Amino acid sequence: WRNFASSAKLHNKVVIIGGGAGGIGLAGRLTSIEGGLNPAQISIVDGGSLFHYKPGWTLYTADDLPRAQLSRPLREVIP
């Protein structure tokens, strides 16, 4: 860890753990408020590569929403 921290060239003001709806929403809010942060100053860290729309799981079980619409690559949902 020490070597990584001393050799890192990028510094962020905010690091958000979790790329779900809450993490993405918080990042958006931090950039949209007056005097807010530049998006380059925010990092979102998530262990997965897919965004799962969890409220849609109840619609999937009721056959109201196709399964393909419940998960998307995380890069597609982060503005």
Protein backbone atom coordinates (compact mmCIF):
# COMPACT_ATOMS: atom_id res chain seq x y z
CA TRP A 1 0.00 0.00 0.00
CA ARG A 2 2.76 2.43 0.90
CA ASN A 3 4.44 2.14 -2.52
CA PHE A 4 1.13 2.69 -4.28
CA ALA A 5 0.32 5.78 -2.22
CA SER A 6 3.73 7.36 -2.75
CA SER A 7 3.80 6.67 -6.48
CA ALA A 8 0.20 7.64 -7.28
CA LYS A 9 -0.04 10.54 -9.70
CA LEU A 10 -3.77 11.09 -9.44
CA HIS A 11 -5.38 12.59 -6.38
CA ASN A 12 -9.09 12.73 -5.78
CA LYS A 13 -11.00 14.89 -3.36
CA VAL A 14 -13.72 12.26 -2.97
CA VAL A 15 -13.64 8.48 -3.24
CA ILE A 16 -17.05 6.78 -3.24
CA ILE A 17 -17.15 3.11 -2.32
CA GLY A 18 -19.89 1.40 -4.30
CA GLY A 19 -21.12 2.03 -7.82
CA GLY A 20 -24.77 1.36 -7.14
CA ALA A 21 -27.59 3.85 -7.41
CA GLY A 22 -26.53 5.58 -4.18
CA GLY A 23 -22.87 5.99 -5.16
CA ILE A 24 -23.67 7.18 -8.66
CA GLY A 25 -26.34 9.53 -7.34
CA LEU A 26 -23.95 11.01 -4.78
CA ALA A 27 -21.30 11.59 -7.45
CA GLY A 28 -23.85 13.33 -9.64
CA ARG A 29 -25.01 15.50 -6.78
CA LEU A 30 -21.45 16.52 -5.89
CA THR A 31 -20.86 17.71 -9.45
CA SER A 32 -24.18 19.49 -9.89
CA ILE A 33 -24.29 21.70 -6.78
CA GLU A 34 -23.09 25.29 -7.12
CA GLY A 35 -19.32 25.34 -6.69
CA GLY A 36 -19.34 21.55 -6.90
CA LEU A 37 -16.53 19.24 -7.79
CA ASN A 38 -15.13 18.54 -11.22
CA PRO A 39 -16.01 14.94 -12.16
CA ALA A 40 -12.28 14.22 -12.49
CA GLN A 41 -11.97 14.84 -8.75
CA ILE A 42 -14.32 11.96 -7.90
CA SER A 43 -13.53 8.25 -8.03
CA ILE A 44 -16.13 5.51 -7.75
CA VAL A 45 -14.72 2.19 -6.55
CA ASP A 46 -16.73 -0.96 -7.09
CA GLY A 47 -15.64 -4.58 -7.09
CA GLY A 48 -17.98 -5.59 -9.89
CA SER A 49 -18.25 -4.63 -13.53
CA LEU A 50 -22.06 -4.76 -13.75
CA PHE A 51 -24.74 -2.45 -12.42
CA HIS A 52 -27.77 -4.41 -11.20
CA TYR A 53 -31.10 -2.58 -11.08
CA LYS A 54 -32.30 -4.23 -7.88
CA PRO A 55 -35.79 -2.70 -7.75
CA GLY A 56 -36.37 -4.33 -11.13
CA TRP A 57 -35.91 -7.80 -9.68
CA THR A 58 -39.49 -7.74 -8.41
CA LEU A 59 -40.72 -6.78 -11.88
CA TYR A 60 -38.67 -9.58 -13.45
CA THR A 61 -40.27 -12.20 -11.26
CA ALA A 62 -43.69 -10.91 -12.28
CA ASP A 63 -42.68 -11.17 -15.98
CA ASP A 64 -43.07 -7.40 -16.43
CA LEU A 65 -39.41 -6.68 -17.23
CA PRO A 66 -36.98 -8.71 -19.37
CA ARG A 67 -33.93 -10.03 -17.51
CA ALA A 68 -31.59 -8.32 -20.00
CA GLN A 69 -32.73 -4.93 -18.69
CA LEU A 70 -31.78 -5.69 -15.07
CA SER A 71 -27.99 -5.65 -15.50
CA ARG A 72 -25.79 -3.34 -17.56
CA PRO A 73 -22.06 -2.68 -17.67
CA LEU A 74 -21.15 -0.19 -14.93
CA ARG A 75 -19.40 2.06 -17.47
CA GLU A 76 -22.71 2.60 -19.26
CA VAL A 77 -24.60 3.89 -16.23
CA ILE A 78 -22.00 6.27 -14.77
CA PRO A 79 -22.34 9.64 -16.52
